[in-house]
């Protein structure tokens, strides 16, 4: 056990050295030397990299956004993305969100081949709700692409499809959300159950009656999905489900 523990420490240490070296090399062409040093230093920190609670990523992203147009940033995005490291990929996504006003179908075409490389829920939700969903608001025909994703065997692709409807929900349009919920309500993958319940909860804020009727119709949905869907305004349905089970 002790030897195994030492090997794990050594492996982690070597990985950090490799990551730091790779990042430094990749960022040489992005901006000035000090900026590269700032990012390298941050990557070495023990904090959770992705998330609005960490101010450093916002500072780095803002710097990239201020110094590059969206077209220029696509090249930087590729450099960060190809590293394969979660931290650098997250910085790429967080920065891209700042270009929201410039999103168009070119942004979607740029992102589409990269979706298969995402393997974590935080990156999935970031790219879905803050990028793809915002493109969907501008270009409704993107709905066809999301419906294709919803039929994928890859559960991450299916999660992208439904979470991307979040900006539409906030605009009061829950049609696509409910259509996908019909497909997903009995999905066996926990990440899909959570996402479906989450979107049903958000849809319920906009149209409680439609969400309530859907949940009543599917009272036997998986527990995770039901729990998320009834987390707030529709909590009363939990007692009904319990009574039906009794």
Protein backbone atom coordinates (compact mmCIF):
# COMPACT_ATOMS: atom_id res chain seq x y z
CA UNK A 1 0.00 0.00 0.00
CA UNK A 2 2.83 2.42 0.91
CA UNK A 3 4.69 1.75 -2.36
CA UNK A 4 1.47 2.28 -4.31
CA UNK A 5 0.94 5.58 -2.52
CA UNK A 6 4.47 6.77 -3.38
CA UNK A 7 3.94 5.81 -7.02
CA UNK A 8 0.73 7.83 -7.15
CA UNK A 9 2.52 10.89 -5.72
CA UNK A 10 5.35 10.50 -8.23
CA UNK A 11 2.92 10.09 -11.11
CA UNK A 12 1.00 13.19 -10.08
CA UNK A 13 4.20 15.21 -9.72
CA UNK A 14 5.46 14.20 -13.17
CA UNK A 15 2.08 15.00 -14.68
CA UNK A 16 2.18 18.51 -13.21
CA UNK A 17 5.69 19.08 -14.56
CA UNK A 18 4.61 17.94 -18.01
CA UNK A 19 1.44 20.05 -17.86
CA UNK A 20 3.35 23.18 -16.80
CA UNK A 21 5.96 22.71 -19.53
CA UNK A 22 3.32 22.09 -22.20
CA UNK A 23 1.27 25.09 -21.13
CA UNK A 24 4.29 27.39 -21.12
CA UNK A 25 5.26 26.27 -24.61
CA UNK A 26 1.73 26.65 -25.96
CA UNK A 27 1.17 30.12 -24.56
CA UNK A 28 4.39 31.69 -25.84
CA UNK A 29 2.61 32.92 -28.95
CA UNK A 30 -0.61 33.98 -27.25
CA UNK A 31 0.52 37.18 -25.58
CA UNK A 32 3.43 38.65 -23.67
CA UNK A 33 5.74 36.65 -21.41
CA UNK A 34 4.17 37.90 -18.19
CA UNK A 35 0.72 36.66 -19.22
CA UNK A 36 2.13 33.21 -19.97
CA UNK A 37 3.77 33.21 -16.54
CA UNK A 38 0.49 34.27 -14.90
CA UNK A 39 -1.41 31.36 -16.44
CA UNK A 40 1.39 28.88 -15.66
CA UNK A 41 1.40 30.00 -12.02
CA UNK A 42 -2.35 29.68 -11.78
CA UNK A 43 -2.39 26.19 -13.30
CA UNK A 44 -0.04 25.09 -10.52
CA UNK A 45 -2.39 26.36 -7.81
CA UNK A 46 -4.48 23.83 -5.84
CA UNK A 47 -7.80 25.58 -6.42
CA UNK A 48 -10.68 24.27 -8.50
CA UNK A 49 -9.98 25.75 -11.92
CA UNK A 50 -13.44 26.05 -13.39
CA UNK A 51 -16.15 28.07 -11.71
CA UNK A 52 -17.22 31.62 -11.04
CA UNK A 53 -16.12 31.33 -7.40
CA UNK A 54 -12.50 31.45 -8.57
CA UNK A 55 -11.67 35.00 -9.66
CA UNK A 56 -8.37 34.10 -11.34
CA UNK A 57 -9.95 32.36 -14.33
CA UNK A 58 -12.14 35.38 -14.93
CA UNK A 59 -9.08 37.62 -14.96
CA UNK A 60 -7.24 35.39 -17.42
CA UNK A 61 -10.31 35.02 -19.62
CA UNK A 62 -10.96 38.75 -19.61
CA UNK A 63 -7.37 39.40 -20.65
CA UNK A 64 -7.66 37.02 -23.60
CA UNK A 65 -11.02 38.49 -24.57
CA UNK A 66 -9.72 42.06 -24.51
CA UNK A 67 -6.65 41.27 -26.60
CA UNK A 68 -8.20 39.12 -29.33
CA UNK A 69 -11.18 39.19 -31.65
CA UNK A 70 -13.39 36.09 -31.76
CA UNK A 71 -11.79 35.01 -35.03
CA UNK A 72 -8.33 35.32 -33.49
CA UNK A 73 -9.42 33.54 -30.33
CA UNK A 74 -10.44 30.44 -32.28
CA UNK A 75 -6.71 29.75 -32.81
CA UNK A 76 -5.98 30.27 -29.13
CA UNK A 77 -8.93 28.05 -28.20
CA UNK A 78 -7.47 25.26 -30.34
CA UNK A 79 -4.08 25.51 -28.62
CA UNK A 80 -5.67 25.28 -25.18
CA UNK A 81 -8.13 22.57 -26.21
CA UNK A 82 -5.57 20.28 -27.81
CA UNK A 83 -3.61 20.12 -24.56
CA UNK A 84 -6.19 17.66 -23.25
CA UNK A 85 -5.89 19.10 -19.75
CA UNK A 86 -9.13 19.92 -17.99
CA UNK A 87 -7.78 23.24 -16.71
CA UNK A 88 -6.73 24.57 -20.10
CA UNK A 89 -9.88 23.32 -21.81
CA UNK A 90 -11.97 25.05 -19.15
CA UNK A 91 -10.11 28.32 -19.67
CA UNK A 92 -10.86 28.03 -23.39
CA UNK A 93 -14.57 27.54 -22.72
CA UNK A 94 -14.81 30.26 -20.10
CA UNK A 95 -13.14 32.78 -22.38
CA UNK A 96 -15.30 31.84 -25.35
CA UNK A 97 -18.41 32.66 -23.31
CA UNK A 98 -17.27 36.29 -23.19
CA UNK A 99 -17.77 36.59 -26.96
CA UNK A 100 -21.53 35.96 -26.68
CA UNK A 101 -22.49 39.01 -28.74
CA UNK A 102 -20.42 37.69 -31.66
CA UNK A 103 -21.70 34.11 -31.64
CA UNK A 104 -22.97 32.86 -34.99
CA UNK A 105 -23.28 29.57 -36.87
CA UNK A 106 -19.54 29.66 -37.50
CA UNK A 107 -19.08 29.35 -33.74
CA UNK A 108 -21.26 26.24 -33.78
CA UNK A 109 -19.32 24.72 -36.70
CA UNK A 110 -16.09 25.47 -34.85
CA UNK A 111 -17.30 23.76 -31.65
CA UNK A 112 -19.15 20.78 -33.11
CA UNK A 113 -16.12 18.52 -33.81
CA UNK A 114 -14.75 19.29 -30.35
CA UNK A 115 -17.80 18.06 -28.44
CA UNK A 116 -16.55 14.49 -28.48
CA UNK A 117 -13.50 15.54 -26.43
CA UNK A 118 -15.55 16.74 -23.44
CA UNK A 119 -15.85 14.22 -20.65
CA UNK A 120 -16.89 16.22 -17.58
CA UNK A 121 -20.26 17.58 -16.58
CA UNK A 122 -19.00 21.09 -15.76
CA UNK A 123 -17.55 21.57 -19.24
CA UNK A 124 -20.64 20.01 -20.82
CA UNK A 125 -22.94 22.41 -18.98
CA UNK A 126 -20.74 25.42 -19.71
CA UNK A 127 -20.60 24.78 -23.44
CA UNK A 128 -24.31 23.89 -23.55
CA UNK A 129 -26.02 26.61 -21.52
CA UNK A 130 -23.60 29.48 -22.07
CA UNK A 131 -22.50 28.94 -25.66
CA UNK A 132 -24.59 26.52 -27.75
CA UNK A 133 -27.82 27.61 -26.07
CA UNK A 134 -27.03 31.25 -26.80
CA UNK A 135 -26.40 30.40 -30.47
CA UNK A 136 -29.75 28.57 -30.51
CA UNK A 137 -31.50 31.78 -29.42
CA UNK A 138 -30.09 33.59 -32.45
CA UNK A 139 -30.44 30.75 -34.92
CA UNK A 140 -33.52 28.54 -34.34
CA UNK A 141 -32.47 26.17 -37.13
CA UNK A 142 -29.78 24.89 -34.78
CA UNK A 143 -32.62 22.93 -33.18
CA UNK A 144 -32.19 20.27 -35.87
CA UNK A 145 -28.60 19.75 -34.78
CA UNK A 146 -29.63 19.37 -31.14
CA UNK A 147 -32.25 16.79 -32.09
CA UNK A 148 -29.49 14.81 -33.81
CA UNK A 149 -27.38 15.00 -30.67
CA UNK A 150 -30.35 13.81 -28.62
CA UNK A 151 -30.31 10.53 -30.55
CA UNK A 152 -26.62 9.89 -29.87
CA UNK A 153 -25.44 6.82 -27.98
CA UNK A 154 -22.98 9.10 -26.18
CA UNK A 155 -24.76 10.29 -23.04
CA UNK A 156 -22.65 13.47 -22.96
CA UNK A 157 -24.03 14.42 -26.39
CA UNK A 158 -27.55 13.76 -25.12
CA UNK A 159 -26.91 15.97 -22.10
CA UNK A 160 -25.64 18.76 -24.37
CA UNK A 161 -28.90 18.62 -26.31
CA UNK A 162 -31.21 19.21 -23.36
CA UNK A 163 -29.02 21.58 -21.32
CA UNK A 164 -28.63 23.76 -24.42
CA UNK A 165 -32.35 24.56 -24.13
CA UNK A 166 -31.78 26.47 -20.87
CA UNK A 167 -31.44 29.95 -22.47
CA UNK A 168 -34.67 29.29 -24.39
CA UNK A 169 -36.44 28.32 -21.18
CA UNK A 170 -35.38 31.61 -19.61
CA UNK A 171 -36.93 33.37 -22.60
CA UNK A 172 -40.21 31.56 -21.91
CA UNK A 173 -39.95 28.95 -24.68
CA UNK A 174 -40.08 25.43 -23.21
CA UNK A 175 -41.27 23.58 -26.32
CA UNK A 176 -37.95 21.95 -27.23
CA UNK A 177 -37.20 21.18 -23.58
CA UNK A 178 -40.44 19.25 -23.17
CA UNK A 179 -39.88 17.42 -26.46
CA UNK A 180 -36.48 16.22 -25.27
CA UNK A 181 -37.82 15.43 -21.80
CA UNK A 182 -40.26 13.00 -23.43
CA UNK A 183 -37.27 11.18 -24.93
CA UNK A 184 -35.15 11.29 -21.80
CA UNK A 185 -37.54 10.83 -18.92
CA UNK A 186 -36.72 7.12 -18.60
CA UNK A 187 -33.08 7.32 -19.72
CA UNK A 188 -30.92 4.94 -17.69
CA UNK A 189 -27.91 7.27 -17.49
CA UNK A 190 -27.82 9.25 -14.20
CA UNK A 191 -26.28 12.33 -15.86
CA UNK A 192 -29.24 12.44 -18.26
CA UNK A 193 -31.72 11.91 -15.43
CA UNK A 194 -30.23 14.83 -13.53
CA UNK A 195 -30.17 17.10 -16.58
CA UNK A 196 -33.77 16.23 -17.49
CA UNK A 197 -34.98 16.89 -13.96
CA UNK A 198 -33.03 20.14 -13.87
CA UNK A 199 -34.57 21.38 -17.13
CA UNK A 200 -38.06 20.33 -15.99
CA UNK A 201 -37.55 22.35 -12.81
CA UNK A 202 -36.49 25.38 -14.86
CA UNK A 203 -39.42 24.89 -17.25
CA UNK A 204 -41.73 24.75 -14.24
CA UNK A 205 -40.66 28.27 -13.28
CA UNK A 206 -41.91 29.52 -16.66
CA UNK A 207 -44.97 27.32 -17.10
CA UNK A 208 -45.86 25.42 -13.90
CA UNK A 209 -48.97 23.79 -15.39
CA UNK A 210 -47.22 22.17 -18.34
CA UNK A 211 -44.36 20.94 -16.15
CA UNK A 212 -46.81 19.64 -13.55
CA UNK A 213 -48.87 17.75 -16.12
CA UNK A 214 -45.73 16.19 -17.55
CA UNK A 215 -44.51 15.03 -14.14
CA UNK A 216 -47.94 13.64 -13.22
CA UNK A 217 -47.99 11.72 -16.49
CA UNK A 218 -44.52 10.31 -15.73
CA UNK A 219 -44.70 9.77 -11.97
CA UNK A 220 -42.68 6.57 -12.36
CA UNK A 221 -39.66 8.44 -13.74
CA UNK A 222 -36.29 7.62 -12.06
CA UNK A 223 -35.89 9.02 -8.58
CA UNK A 224 -32.99 11.32 -9.47
CA UNK A 225 -34.96 12.93 -12.29
CA UNK A 226 -38.07 13.32 -10.11
CA UNK A 227 -36.08 14.79 -7.24
CA UNK A 228 -34.49 17.47 -9.44
CA UNK A 229 -37.77 18.26 -11.20
CA UNK A 230 -39.67 18.79 -7.93
CA UNK A 231 -36.90 20.52 -6.01
CA UNK A 232 -38.73 23.84 -5.62
CA UNK A 233 -42.14 24.93 -6.83
CA UNK A 234 -43.49 21.43 -7.44
CA UNK A 235 -42.47 19.86 -4.13
CA UNK A 236 -46.10 18.98 -3.42
CA UNK A 237 -45.87 16.25 -6.03
CA UNK A 238 -43.43 14.36 -3.83
CA UNK A 239 -46.15 13.51 -1.33
CA UNK A 240 -48.37 12.31 -4.15
CA UNK A 241 -45.65 10.05 -5.51
CA UNK A 242 -45.03 8.63 -2.07
CA UNK A 243 -48.75 7.94 -1.57
CA UNK A 244 -48.99 6.21 -4.94
CA UNK A 245 -46.08 3.97 -4.04
CA UNK A 246 -47.70 3.05 -0.74
